[in-house]
Amino acid sequence: MPDIRQEIQKRILVLDGAMGTMLQAYNFSEEDFRGERFKDYPSPLKGNNDLLSITQPNAIAEVHAKYLEAGADIIETNTFSGTSISMADYNMESLVYELNFESAKIAREVADKFTEANPDKPRFVAGSIGPTNRTASLSPDVNKPEYRAVTFNELRVAYKEQVEALIEGGVDTLFVETIFDTLNAKAALFAIEEVKEERKIDIPIMVSGTITDASGRTLSGQTVEAFLTSVSHIPLLSVGFNCALGAKQLKPYVQRLSNETSFYTSAHPNAGLPNAFGEYDQTVEEMQALIKEYLEEGLINIIGGCCGTNPHYIKAIEDIAKDYKPRLIEELA
């Protein structure tokens, strides 16, 4: 079996682009989300993209294949909202294990086909672990700043269930991403460490935070350096940033991160900033030119796309990434 830890030393690895952007193009109806199995389910299910791994598995496999055809080395499982906390919105907490397991299995099968066809370019599956729709550091009620909608332990338990299913589904690495509250991420990392210890395995962990605006901080108020310090107690495969910003706006934070860590670094920015309608206008060529600056300056080891990106963007990134050497890891004094 190829090992991502060895491959990342040889070249810049390309991550896939947005799953949501691709699924929107299918224009699935409520009935499509339900499929036969959930046709009488009491809650509305449209919008539950993770469920599509069960009700529309061919579409999920097709999206993965398109990204791999575009040159992606790493595809993310369709599990961004795959915790009991997020699935409570659809009253589907009991399906969490199955959703994660099936999503990992689909991605694994597609990735293996591509590796088999071209063993010189092995493909990897990252188990996508999103931030949930709650925050452990902030109150959702401005009138009660002390209130919390979720506890660290509730997050830990929810993440543990997701992690176990992703591992059993066959992922190569676990990817705690789009972190807006580092306390949520620490609960996920704690859960992963628990599972690793119980199963006596050593699965690589990737972490990616989100700088929410021009303040250069995460939603819970951490700077780049504070975020990095908060997660560096665990030996990570990579640390990086994704979402919220385009490649241009994200670059200074990736530079700072790159200077401060001896982990491999990653970035998967949005296709620019959204317009008034929430759509992304940045062209493939514009994004490629911005990503080229990351490569020329040796800032990253893993590069991909987030909101608004599709296989055309990933192909443009892969076209140039293969000509550059990955960021060198230097032991920090």
C-alpha atoms as a PDB file:
ATOM      1  CA  MET A   1       0.000   0.000   0.000  1.00  0.00           C
ATOM      2  CA  PRO A   2       1.369   3.451  -0.889  1.00  0.00           C
ATOM      3  CA  ASP A   3       2.062   5.660   2.131  1.00  0.00           C
ATOM      4  CA  ILE A   4       1.151   9.331   1.997  1.00  0.00           C
ATOM      5  CA  ARG A   5       3.998  10.101   4.406  1.00  0.00           C
ATOM      6  CA  GLN A   6       6.518   8.885   1.850  1.00  0.00           C
ATOM      7  CA  GLU A   7       4.813  10.438  -1.163  1.00  0.00           C
ATOM      8  CA  ILE A   8       4.642  13.915   0.373  1.00  0.00           C
ATOM      9  CA  GLN A   9       8.429  13.946   0.644  1.00  0.00           C
ATOM     10  CA  LYS A  10       8.779  13.511  -3.123  1.00  0.00           C
ATOM     11  CA  ARG A  11       6.421  16.119  -4.570  1.00  0.00           C
ATOM     12  CA  ILE A  12       3.670  18.649  -3.993  1.00  0.00           C
ATOM     13  CA  LEU A  13       0.429  16.729  -3.500  1.00  0.00           C
ATOM     14  CA  VAL A  14      -2.733  18.067  -5.106  1.00  0.00           C
ATOM     15  CA  LEU A  15      -5.941  17.972  -3.093  1.00  0.00           C
ATOM     16  CA  ASP A  16      -9.348  17.853  -4.750  1.00  0.00           C
ATOM     17  CA  GLY A  17     -11.821  20.751  -4.974  1.00  0.00           C
ATOM     18  CA  ALA A  18     -15.298  21.404  -3.606  1.00  0.00           C
ATOM     19  CA  MET A  19     -17.773  18.555  -3.232  1.00  0.00           C
ATOM     20  CA  GLY A  20     -20.751  20.879  -2.659  1.00  0.00           C
ATOM     21  CA  THR A  21     -20.069  22.873  -5.839  1.00  0.00           C
ATOM     22  CA  MET A  22     -20.087  19.659  -7.851  1.00  0.00           C
ATOM     23  CA  LEU A  23     -23.231  18.264  -6.237  1.00  0.00           C
ATOM     24  CA  GLN A  24     -25.161  21.490  -6.911  1.00  0.00           C
ATOM     25  CA  ALA A  25     -24.789  20.796 -10.628  1.00  0.00           C
ATOM     26  CA  TYR A  26     -26.818  17.587 -10.231  1.00  0.00           C
ATOM     27  CA  ASN A  27     -29.746  19.671  -8.998  1.00  0.00           C
ATOM     28  CA  PHE A  28     -31.004  16.853  -6.800  1.00  0.00           C
ATOM     29  CA  SER A  29     -34.612  17.130  -5.619  1.00  0.00           C
ATOM     30  CA  GLU A  30     -35.997  16.204  -2.201  1.00  0.00           C
ATOM     31  CA  GLU A  31     -36.950  12.836  -3.719  1.00  0.00           C
ATOM     32  CA  ASP A  32     -33.398  12.298  -4.988  1.00  0.00           C
ATOM     33  CA  PHE A  33     -31.977  12.974  -1.521  1.00  0.00           C
ATOM     34  CA  ARG A  34     -34.469  10.527  -0.001  1.00  0.00           C
ATOM     35  CA  GLY A  35     -34.093   7.703  -2.494  1.00  0.00           C
ATOM     36  CA  GLU A  36     -36.235   4.631  -1.972  1.00  0.00           C
ATOM     37  CA  ARG A  37     -34.959   3.921   1.518  1.00  0.00           C
ATOM     38  CA  PHE A  38     -35.913   7.267   3.060  1.00  0.00           C
ATOM     39  CA  LYS A  39     -38.955   8.127   0.964  1.00  0.00           C
ATOM     40  CA  ASP A  40     -41.211   8.272   4.043  1.00  0.00           C
ATOM     41  CA  TYR A  41     -38.673   9.855   6.387  1.00  0.00           C
ATOM     42  CA  PRO A  42     -40.414  12.421   8.654  1.00  0.00           C
ATOM     43  CA  SER A  43     -37.794  15.203   8.235  1.00  0.00           C
ATOM     44  CA  PRO A  44     -36.919  17.202   5.097  1.00  0.00           C
ATOM     45  CA  LEU A  45     -33.628  15.807   3.755  1.00  0.00           C
ATOM     46  CA  LYS A  46     -32.739  18.054   0.816  1.00  0.00           C
ATOM     47  CA  GLY A  47     -29.371  19.680   1.489  1.00  0.00           C
ATOM     48  CA  ASN A  48     -27.981  16.753   3.488  1.00  0.00           C
ATOM     49  CA  ASN A  49     -25.080  16.140   1.094  1.00  0.00           C
ATOM     50  CA  ASP A  50     -23.523  13.446   3.269  1.00  0.00           C
ATOM     51  CA  LEU A  51     -26.684  11.351   2.851  1.00  0.00           C
ATOM     52  CA  LEU A  52     -26.049  11.175  -0.892  1.00  0.00           C
ATOM     53  CA  SER A  53     -23.301   8.622  -0.191  1.00  0.00           C
ATOM     54  CA  ILE A  54     -26.171   6.249   0.617  1.00  0.00           C
ATOM     55  CA  THR A  55     -28.949   7.454  -1.712  1.00  0.00           C
ATOM     56  CA  GLN A  56     -26.875   8.606  -4.731  1.00  0.00           C
ATOM     57  CA  PRO A  57     -23.562   6.724  -4.401  1.00  0.00           C
ATOM     58  CA  ASN A  58     -22.894   6.796  -8.161  1.00  0.00           C
ATOM     59  CA  ALA A  59     -22.926  10.595  -8.173  1.00  0.00           C
ATOM     60  CA  ILE A  60     -20.419  10.724  -5.280  1.00  0.00           C
ATOM     61  CA  ALA A  61     -18.155   8.202  -7.048  1.00  0.00           C
ATOM     62  CA  GLU A  62     -18.442  10.252 -10.238  1.00  0.00           C
ATOM     63  CA  VAL A  63     -17.356  13.466  -8.471  1.00  0.00           C
ATOM     64  CA  HIS A  64     -14.345  11.690  -6.960  1.00  0.00           C
ATOM     65  CA  ALA A  65     -13.407  10.246 -10.367  1.00  0.00           C
ATOM     66  CA  LYS A  66     -13.600  13.675 -12.031  1.00  0.00           C
ATOM     67  CA  TYR A  67     -11.187  15.140  -9.490  1.00  0.00           C
ATOM     68  CA  LEU A  68      -8.807  12.207  -9.883  1.00  0.00           C
ATOM     69  CA  GLU A  69      -8.980  12.535 -13.679  1.00  0.00           C
ATOM     70  CA  ALA A  70      -8.067  16.210 -13.205  1.00  0.00           C
ATOM     71  CA  GLY A  71      -4.898  15.092 -11.417  1.00  0.00           C
ATOM     72  CA  ALA A  72      -5.793  15.186  -7.713  1.00  0.00           C
ATOM     73  CA  ASP A  73      -3.556  13.039  -5.495  1.00  0.00           C
ATOM     74  CA  ILE A  74      -5.871  13.251  -2.479  1.00  0.00           C
ATOM     75  CA  ILE A  75      -9.680  13.091  -2.496  1.00  0.00           C
ATOM     76  CA  GLU A  76     -11.773  13.934   0.553  1.00  0.00           C
ATOM     77  CA  THR A  77     -14.635  11.769   1.695  1.00  0.00           C
ATOM     78  CA  ASN A  78     -18.167  13.166   1.460  1.00  0.00           C
ATOM     79  CA  THR A  79     -18.409  13.469   5.262  1.00  0.00           C
ATOM     80  CA  PHE A  80     -17.987  17.155   6.064  1.00  0.00           C
ATOM     81  CA  SER A  81     -21.128  17.111   8.250  1.00  0.00           C
ATOM     82  CA  GLY A  82     -20.780  13.498   9.325  1.00  0.00           C
ATOM     83  CA  THR A  83     -21.227  13.826  13.089  1.00  0.00           C
ATOM     84  CA  SER A  84     -24.278  13.176  15.233  1.00  0.00           C
ATOM     85  CA  ILE A  85     -24.172  16.886  16.179  1.00  0.00           C
ATOM     86  CA  SER A  86     -24.557  18.060  12.574  1.00  0.00           C
ATOM     87  CA  MET A  87     -26.900  15.220  11.591  1.00  0.00           C
ATOM     88  CA  ALA A  88     -29.299  16.239  14.374  1.00  0.00           C
ATOM     89  CA  ASP A  89     -30.547  18.906  11.928  1.00  0.00           C
ATOM     90  CA  TYR A  90     -32.085  16.077   9.897  1.00  0.00           C
ATOM     91  CA  ASN A  91     -32.866  13.721  12.822  1.00  0.00           C
ATOM     92  CA  MET A  92     -30.335  11.291  11.360  1.00  0.00           C
ATOM     93  CA  GLU A  93     -27.946  10.836  14.279  1.00  0.00           C
ATOM     94  CA  SER A  94     -28.380   7.045  14.098  1.00  0.00           C
ATOM     95  CA  LEU A  95     -27.002   6.979  10.547  1.00  0.00           C
ATOM     96  CA  VAL A  96     -23.635   8.564  11.345  1.00  0.00           C
ATOM     97  CA  TYR A  97     -21.582   5.374  11.296  1.00  0.00           C
ATOM     98  CA  GLU A  98     -23.088   4.175   8.016  1.00  0.00           C
ATOM     99  CA  LEU A  99     -22.723   7.576   6.320  1.00  0.00           C
ATOM    100  CA  ASN A 100     -19.031   7.786   7.140  1.00  0.00           C
ATOM    101  CA  PHE A 101     -18.284   4.151   6.392  1.00  0.00           C
ATOM    102  CA  GLU A 102     -20.035   4.219   2.992  1.00  0.00           C
ATOM    103  CA  SER A 103     -18.455   7.563   2.049  1.00  0.00           C
ATOM    104  CA  ALA A 104     -14.980   6.259   2.846  1.00  0.00           C
ATOM    105  CA  LYS A 105     -15.659   3.030   0.966  1.00  0.00           C
ATOM    106  CA  ILE A 106     -16.783   4.861  -2.194  1.00  0.00           C
ATOM    107  CA  ALA A 107     -13.722   7.140  -2.176  1.00  0.00           C
ATOM    108  CA  ARG A 108     -11.404   4.190  -1.462  1.00  0.00           C
ATOM    109  CA  GLU A 109     -12.715   2.146  -4.396  1.00  0.00           C
ATOM    110  CA  VAL A 110     -12.386   5.042  -6.869  1.00  0.00           C
ATOM    111  CA  ALA A 111      -8.918   6.039  -5.629  1.00  0.00           C
ATOM    112  CA  ASP A 112      -7.678   2.438  -5.836  1.00  0.00           C
ATOM    113  CA  LYS A 113      -8.795   2.169  -9.472  1.00  0.00           C
ATOM    114  CA  PHE A 114      -6.722   5.224 -10.374  1.00  0.00           C
ATOM    115  CA  THR A 115      -3.686   3.977  -8.423  1.00  0.00           C
ATOM    116  CA  GLU A 116      -3.957   0.614 -10.169  1.00  0.00           C
ATOM    117  CA  ALA A 117      -4.057   2.312 -13.573  1.00  0.00           C
ATOM    118  CA  ASN A 118      -1.011   4.468 -12.740  1.00  0.00           C
ATOM    119  CA  PRO A 119       1.040   3.081  -9.804  1.00  0.00           C
ATOM    120  CA  ASP A 120       3.607   5.887 -10.229  1.00  0.00           C
ATOM    121  CA  LYS A 121       0.970   8.372  -9.052  1.00  0.00           C
ATOM    122  CA  PRO A 122      -0.700   6.755  -6.032  1.00  0.00           C
ATOM    123  CA  ARG A 123      -4.005   8.313  -4.923  1.00  0.00           C
ATOM    124  CA  PHE A 124      -5.025   8.828  -1.312  1.00  0.00           C
ATOM    125  CA  VAL A 125      -8.280   9.198   0.606  1.00  0.00           C
ATOM    126  CA  ALA A 126      -8.596  11.813   3.349  1.00  0.00           C
ATOM    127  CA  GLY A 127     -11.445  11.371   5.814  1.00  0.00           C
ATOM    128  CA  SER A 128     -13.097  14.803   5.930  1.00  0.00           C
ATOM    129  CA  ILE A 129     -13.958  15.905   9.472  1.00  0.00           C
ATOM    130  CA  GLY A 130     -15.816  19.226   9.508  1.00  0.00           C
ATOM    131  CA  PRO A 131     -16.204  21.683  12.386  1.00  0.00           C
ATOM    132  CA  THR A 132     -19.893  20.831  13.184  1.00  0.00           C
ATOM    133  CA  ASN A 133     -22.511  23.577  13.363  1.00  0.00           C
ATOM    134  CA  ARG A 134     -21.772  24.421  17.007  1.00  0.00           C
ATOM    135  CA  THR A 135     -18.888  26.117  18.749  1.00  0.00           C
ATOM    136  CA  ALA A 136     -17.331  25.185  22.085  1.00  0.00           C
ATOM    137  CA  SER A 137     -15.584  28.539  22.619  1.00  0.00           C
ATOM    138  CA  LEU A 138     -18.355  31.018  21.883  1.00  0.00           C
ATOM    139  CA  SER A 139     -21.917  31.590  22.995  1.00  0.00           C
ATOM    140  CA  PRO A 140     -24.619  31.592  20.298  1.00  0.00           C
ATOM    141  CA  ASP A 141     -26.615  33.952  22.536  1.00  0.00           C
ATOM    142  CA  VAL A 142     -25.276  37.526  22.780  1.00  0.00           C
ATOM    143  CA  ASN A 143     -27.286  38.047  25.956  1.00  0.00           C
ATOM    144  CA  LYS A 144     -25.664  35.040  27.655  1.00  0.00           C
ATOM    145  CA  PRO A 145     -21.938  35.126  26.894  1.00  0.00           C
ATOM    146  CA  GLU A 146     -21.306  32.286  29.347  1.00  0.00           C
ATOM    147  CA  TYR A 147     -23.685  29.897  27.519  1.00  0.00           C
ATOM    148  CA  ARG A 148     -22.326  27.076  25.339  1.00  0.00           C
ATOM    149  CA  ALA A 149     -24.410  25.053  22.876  1.00  0.00           C
ATOM    150  CA  VAL A 150     -22.040  22.086  23.074  1.00  0.00           C
ATOM    151  CA  THR A 151     -19.456  20.680  25.493  1.00  0.00           C
ATOM    152  CA  PHE A 152     -15.960  19.415  24.758  1.00  0.00           C
ATOM    153  CA  ASN A 153     -17.033  15.919  25.759  1.00  0.00           C
ATOM    154  CA  GLU A 154     -20.084  15.940  23.482  1.00  0.00           C
ATOM    155  CA  LEU A 155     -17.818  16.907  20.597  1.00  0.00           C
ATOM    156  CA  ARG A 156     -15.258  14.240  21.528  1.00  0.00           C
ATOM    157  CA  VAL A 157     -17.903  11.486  21.569  1.00  0.00           C
ATOM    158  CA  ALA A 158     -19.403  12.649  18.255  1.00  0.00           C
ATOM    159  CA  TYR A 159     -16.027  12.873  16.556  1.00  0.00           C
ATOM    160  CA  LYS A 160     -14.950   9.479  17.855  1.00  0.00           C
ATOM    161  CA  GLU A 161     -17.925   7.816  16.179  1.00  0.00           C
ATOM    162  CA  GLN A 162     -17.068   9.528  12.892  1.00  0.00           C
ATOM    163  CA  VAL A 163     -13.353   8.690  13.113  1.00  0.00           C
ATOM    164  CA  GLU A 164     -13.963   4.977  13.777  1.00  0.00           C
ATOM    165  CA  ALA A 165     -16.253   4.689  10.752  1.00  0.00           C
ATOM    166  CA  LEU A 166     -13.836   6.552   8.457  1.00  0.00           C
ATOM    167  CA  ILE A 167     -10.950   4.312   9.499  1.00  0.00           C
ATOM    168  CA  GLU A 168     -13.025   1.159   8.990  1.00  0.00           C
ATOM    169  CA  GLY A 169     -14.108   2.483   5.584  1.00  0.00           C
ATOM    170  CA  GLY A 170     -10.453   2.594   4.541  1.00  0.00           C
ATOM    171  CA  VAL A 171      -9.172   6.195   4.607  1.00  0.00           C
ATOM    172  CA  ASP A 172      -5.414   6.868   4.411  1.00  0.00           C
ATOM    173  CA  THR A 173      -5.465   9.988   6.550  1.00  0.00           C
ATOM    174  CA  LEU A 174      -7.888  11.959   8.749  1.00  0.00           C
ATOM    175  CA  PHE A 175      -8.457  15.588   7.806  1.00  0.00           C
ATOM    176  CA  VAL A 176      -9.785  17.924  10.530  1.00  0.00           C
ATOM    177  CA  GLU A 177     -10.664  20.907   8.359  1.00  0.00           C
ATOM    178  CA  THR A 178     -12.367  24.292   8.105  1.00  0.00           C
ATOM    179  CA  ILE A 179     -11.585  24.911  11.774  1.00  0.00           C
ATOM    180  CA  PHE A 180     -13.245  28.119  12.991  1.00  0.00           C
ATOM    181  CA  ASP A 181     -13.054  27.155  16.671  1.00  0.00           C
ATOM    182  CA  THR A 182      -9.837  25.437  17.729  1.00  0.00           C
ATOM    183  CA  LEU A 183     -11.530  23.942  20.802  1.00  0.00           C
ATOM    184  CA  ASN A 184     -13.775  21.926  18.474  1.00  0.00           C
ATOM    185  CA  ALA A 185     -10.654  20.794  16.608  1.00  0.00           C
ATOM    186  CA  LYS A 186      -8.942  19.816  19.852  1.00  0.00           C
ATOM    187  CA  ALA A 187     -11.940  17.605  20.675  1.00  0.00           C
ATOM    188  CA  ALA A 188     -11.576  15.953  17.249  1.00  0.00           C
ATOM    189  CA  LEU A 189      -7.831  15.477  17.742  1.00  0.00           C
ATOM    190  CA  PHE A 190      -8.421  14.068  21.231  1.00  0.00           C
ATOM    191  CA  ALA A 191     -10.935  11.590  19.769  1.00  0.00           C
ATOM    192  CA  ILE A 192      -8.490  10.574  17.029  1.00  0.00           C
ATOM    193  CA  GLU A 193      -5.721   9.981  19.566  1.00  0.00           C
ATOM    194  CA  GLU A 194      -8.105   7.829  21.616  1.00  0.00           C
ATOM    195  CA  VAL A 195      -8.986   5.703  18.596  1.00  0.00           C
ATOM    196  CA  LYS A 196      -5.325   5.397  17.571  1.00  0.00           C
ATOM    197  CA  GLU A 197      -4.414   4.196  21.050  1.00  0.00           C
ATOM    198  CA  GLU A 198      -7.312   1.740  21.320  1.00  0.00           C
ATOM    199  CA  ARG A 199      -6.641   0.247  17.877  1.00  0.00           C
ATOM    200  CA  LYS A 200      -2.865   0.495  18.116  1.00  0.00           C
ATOM    201  CA  ILE A 201      -2.648   2.235  14.752  1.00  0.00           C
ATOM    202  CA  ASP A 202      -0.771   5.283  13.545  1.00  0.00           C
ATOM    203  CA  ILE A 203      -2.899   7.042  10.953  1.00  0.00           C
ATOM    204  CA  PRO A 204      -1.608  10.405   9.632  1.00  0.00           C
ATOM    205  CA  ILE A 205      -3.571  13.510  10.662  1.00  0.00           C
ATOM    206  CA  MET A 206      -4.062  16.647   8.585  1.00  0.00           C
ATOM    207  CA  VAL A 207      -5.381  19.870  10.104  1.00  0.00           C
ATOM    208  CA  SER A 208      -6.693  22.968   8.324  1.00  0.00           C
ATOM    209  CA  GLY A 209      -7.946  26.142   9.976  1.00  0.00           C
ATOM    210  CA  THR A 210     -10.074  28.961   8.606  1.00  0.00           C
ATOM    211  CA  ILE A 211      -9.104  32.626   8.780  1.00  0.00           C
ATOM    212  CA  THR A 212     -12.531  34.217   8.673  1.00  0.00           C
ATOM    213  CA  ASP A 213     -11.775  37.807   7.639  1.00  0.00           C
ATOM    214  CA  ALA A 214      -9.156  40.535   7.247  1.00  0.00           C
ATOM    215  CA  SER A 215      -8.444  40.481  10.998  1.00  0.00           C
ATOM    216  CA  GLY A 216      -6.308  37.424  10.271  1.00  0.00           C
ATOM    217  CA  ARG A 217      -7.980  35.411  13.018  1.00  0.00           C
ATOM    218  CA  THR A 218     -10.179  32.349  13.291  1.00  0.00           C
ATOM    219  CA  LEU A 219     -13.790  32.912  14.357  1.00  0.00           C
ATOM    220  CA  SER A 220     -12.852  32.072  17.946  1.00  0.00           C
ATOM    221  CA  GLY A 221     -10.208  34.818  17.856  1.00  0.00           C
ATOM    222  CA  GLN A 222      -6.903  33.049  17.320  1.00  0.00           C
ATOM    223  CA  THR A 223      -4.077  34.397  15.213  1.00  0.00           C
ATOM    224  CA  VAL A 224      -2.146  32.112  12.854  1.00  0.00           C
ATOM    225  CA  GLU A 225       0.534  31.545  15.488  1.00  0.00           C
ATOM    226  CA  ALA A 226      -1.932  30.882  18.323  1.00  0.00           C
ATOM    227  CA  PHE A 227      -3.854  28.396  16.173  1.00  0.00           C
ATOM    228  CA  LEU A 228      -0.649  26.602  15.288  1.00  0.00           C
ATOM    229  CA  THR A 229       0.454  26.424  18.931  1.00  0.00           C
ATOM    230  CA  SER A 230      -2.960  25.011  19.911  1.00  0.00           C
ATOM    231  CA  VAL A 231      -2.689  22.003  17.595  1.00  0.00           C
ATOM    232  CA  SER A 232       1.064  21.356  17.536  1.00  0.00           C
ATOM    233  CA  HIS A 233       1.101  19.089  20.590  1.00  0.00           C
ATOM    234  CA  ILE A 234       0.098  16.244  18.269  1.00  0.00           C
ATOM    235  CA  PRO A 235       2.501  15.000  15.572  1.00  0.00           C
ATOM    236  CA  LEU A 236       0.571  16.098  12.468  1.00  0.00           C
ATOM    237  CA  LEU A 237       1.212  15.201   8.854  1.00  0.00           C
ATOM    238  CA  SER A 238       0.198  18.688   7.759  1.00  0.00           C
ATOM    239  CA  VAL A 239      -1.246  21.956   8.981  1.00  0.00           C
ATOM    240  CA  GLY A 240      -2.806  24.596   6.764  1.00  0.00           C
ATOM    241  CA  PHE A 241      -5.707  26.875   5.930  1.00  0.00           C
ATOM    242  CA  ASN A 242      -8.806  26.592   3.776  1.00  0.00           C
ATOM    243  CA  CYS A 243     -12.129  28.250   2.968  1.00  0.00           C
ATOM    244  CA  ALA A 244     -13.440  31.780   3.758  1.00  0.00           C
ATOM    245  CA  LEU A 245     -10.761  33.485   1.636  1.00  0.00           C
ATOM    246  CA  GLY A 246      -9.453  33.271  -1.916  1.00  0.00           C
ATOM    247  CA  ALA A 247      -5.820  32.445  -2.727  1.00  0.00           C
ATOM    248  CA  LYS A 248      -4.821  36.110  -2.806  1.00  0.00           C
ATOM    249  CA  GLN A 249      -6.265  36.961   0.634  1.00  0.00           C
ATOM    250  CA  LEU A 250      -5.081  33.688   2.182  1.00  0.00           C
ATOM    251  CA  LYS A 251      -1.457  33.916   1.048  1.00  0.00           C
ATOM    252  CA  PRO A 252      -0.021  36.110   3.864  1.00  0.00           C
ATOM    253  CA  TYR A 253      -1.404  33.708   6.481  1.00  0.00           C
ATOM    254  CA  VAL A 254       0.019  30.678   4.679  1.00  0.00           C
ATOM    255  CA  GLN A 255       3.387  32.504   4.561  1.00  0.00           C
ATOM    256  CA  ARG A 256       3.307  33.056   8.317  1.00  0.00           C
ATOM    257  CA  LEU A 257       2.323  29.468   8.942  1.00  0.00           C
ATOM    258  CA  SER A 258       5.041  28.180   6.631  1.00  0.00           C
ATOM    259  CA  ASN A 259       7.669  30.165   8.552  1.00  0.00           C
ATOM    260  CA  GLU A 260       6.530  28.885  11.939  1.00  0.00           C
ATOM    261  CA  THR A 261       6.003  25.146  11.554  1.00  0.00           C
ATOM    262  CA  SER A 262       8.074  22.060  10.873  1.00  0.00           C
ATOM    263  CA  PHE A 263       4.946  20.145   9.793  1.00  0.00           C
ATOM    264  CA  TYR A 264       4.099  19.919   6.100  1.00  0.00           C
ATOM    265  CA  THR A 265       1.796  22.754   5.030  1.00  0.00           C
ATOM    266  CA  SER A 266      -1.438  22.769   3.049  1.00  0.00           C
ATOM    267  CA  ALA A 267      -3.762  25.313   1.479  1.00  0.00           C
ATOM    268  CA  HIS A 268      -7.067  24.927  -0.285  1.00  0.00           C
ATOM    269  CA  PRO A 269      -8.514  28.406  -0.828  1.00  0.00           C
ATOM    270  CA  ASN A 270     -11.860  29.352  -2.337  1.00  0.00           C
ATOM    271  CA  ALA A 271     -12.157  30.490  -5.944  1.00  0.00           C
ATOM    272  CA  GLY A 272     -11.830  34.104  -4.834  1.00  0.00           C
ATOM    273  CA  LEU A 273     -14.418  35.834  -2.666  1.00  0.00           C
ATOM    274  CA  PRO A 274     -18.161  35.312  -3.195  1.00  0.00           C
ATOM    275  CA  ASN A 275     -20.188  37.937  -5.042  1.00  0.00           C
ATOM    276  CA  ALA A 276     -23.480  39.442  -3.822  1.00  0.00           C
ATOM    277  CA  PHE A 277     -25.281  36.217  -4.788  1.00  0.00           C
ATOM    278  CA  GLY A 278     -22.848  33.955  -2.942  1.00  0.00           C
ATOM    279  CA  GLU A 279     -21.286  32.759  -6.198  1.00  0.00           C
ATOM    280  CA  TYR A 280     -17.598  32.591  -7.056  1.00  0.00           C
ATOM    281  CA  ASP A 281     -16.453  34.544 -10.106  1.00  0.00           C
ATOM    282  CA  GLN A 282     -12.701  33.946 -10.055  1.00  0.00           C
ATOM    283  CA  THR A 283     -11.641  32.239 -13.270  1.00  0.00           C
ATOM    284  CA  VAL A 284      -9.494  29.146 -13.492  1.00  0.00           C
ATOM    285  CA  GLU A 285      -6.655  31.218 -14.982  1.00  0.00           C
ATOM    286  CA  GLU A 286      -6.842  33.828 -12.220  1.00  0.00           C
ATOM    287  CA  MET A 287      -6.692  31.206  -9.488  1.00  0.00           C
ATOM    288  CA  GLN A 288      -3.867  29.356 -11.239  1.00  0.00           C
ATOM    289  CA  ALA A 289      -1.774  32.546 -11.386  1.00  0.00           C
ATOM    290  CA  LEU A 290      -2.281  33.151  -7.654  1.00  0.00           C
ATOM    291  CA  ILE A 291      -1.444  29.555  -6.744  1.00  0.00           C
ATOM    292  CA  LYS A 292       1.711  29.853  -8.837  1.00  0.00           C
ATOM    293  CA  GLU A 293       2.972  32.457  -6.348  1.00  0.00           C
ATOM    294  CA  TYR A 294       2.568  29.903  -3.516  1.00  0.00           C
ATOM    295  CA  LEU A 295       4.625  27.431  -5.526  1.00  0.00           C
ATOM    296  CA  GLU A 296       7.330  29.896  -6.543  1.00  0.00           C
ATOM    297  CA  GLU A 297       7.811  30.944  -2.926  1.00  0.00           C
ATOM    298  CA  GLY A 298       7.933  27.335  -1.699  1.00  0.00           C
ATOM    299  CA  LEU A 299       5.092  27.811   0.768  1.00  0.00           C
ATOM    300  CA  ILE A 300       3.228  24.543   0.537  1.00  0.00           C
ATOM    301  CA  ASN A 301       3.336  20.756   0.352  1.00  0.00           C
ATOM    302  CA  ILE A 302      -0.365  20.157  -0.347  1.00  0.00           C
ATOM    303  CA  ILE A 303      -2.470  22.438  -2.557  1.00  0.00           C
ATOM    304  CA  GLY A 304      -6.107  22.235  -3.647  1.00  0.00           C
ATOM    305  CA  GLY A 305      -9.377  24.140  -3.830  1.00  0.00           C
ATOM    306  CA  CYS A 306     -12.340  24.844  -1.569  1.00  0.00           C
ATOM    307  CA  CYS A 307     -15.682  26.597  -2.272  1.00  0.00           C
ATOM    308  CA  GLY A 308     -16.375  27.425  -5.898  1.00  0.00           C
ATOM    309  CA  THR A 309     -13.674  25.147  -7.311  1.00  0.00           C
ATOM    310  CA  ASN A 310     -14.257  22.188  -9.614  1.00  0.00           C
ATOM    311  CA  PRO A 311     -12.089  19.762 -11.635  1.00  0.00           C
ATOM    312  CA  HIS A 312     -11.088  22.530 -14.111  1.00  0.00           C
ATOM    313  CA  TYR A 313      -9.464  24.452 -11.231  1.00  0.00           C
ATOM    314  CA  ILE A 314      -7.760  21.323  -9.895  1.00  0.00           C
ATOM    315  CA  LYS A 315      -6.394  20.437 -13.336  1.00  0.00           C
ATOM    316  CA  ALA A 316      -4.974  23.979 -13.684  1.00  0.00           C
ATOM    317  CA  ILE A 317      -3.352  23.664 -10.240  1.00  0.00           C
ATOM    318  CA  GLU A 318      -1.945  20.204 -11.018  1.00  0.00           C
ATOM    319  CA  ASP A 319      -0.587  21.438 -14.360  1.00  0.00           C
ATOM    320  CA  ILE A 320       1.727  23.871 -12.581  1.00  0.00           C
ATOM    321  CA  ALA A 321       2.292  22.062  -9.237  1.00  0.00           C
ATOM    322  CA  LYS A 322       4.182  19.248 -10.933  1.00  0.00           C
ATOM    323  CA  ASP A 323       6.864  21.710 -12.082  1.00  0.00           C
ATOM    324  CA  TYR A 324       7.730  22.878  -8.570  1.00  0.00           C
ATOM    325  CA  LYS A 325       9.492  21.336  -5.626  1.00  0.00           C
ATOM    326  CA  PRO A 326       7.577  20.958  -2.359  1.00  0.00           C
ATOM    327  CA  ARG A 327       8.289  23.239   0.590  1.00  0.00           C
ATOM    328  CA  LEU A 328      11.381  22.078   2.454  1.00  0.00           C
ATOM    329  CA  ILE A 329      10.867  21.059   6.043  1.00  0.00           C
ATOM    330  CA  GLU A 330      13.411  22.645   8.311  1.00  0.00           C
ATOM    331  CA  GLU A 331      13.667  21.929  11.978  1.00  0.00           C
ATOM    332  CA  LEU A 332      12.811  25.166  13.754  1.00  0.00           C
ATOM    333  CA  ALA A 333      15.252  26.376  16.343  1.00  0.00           C
END
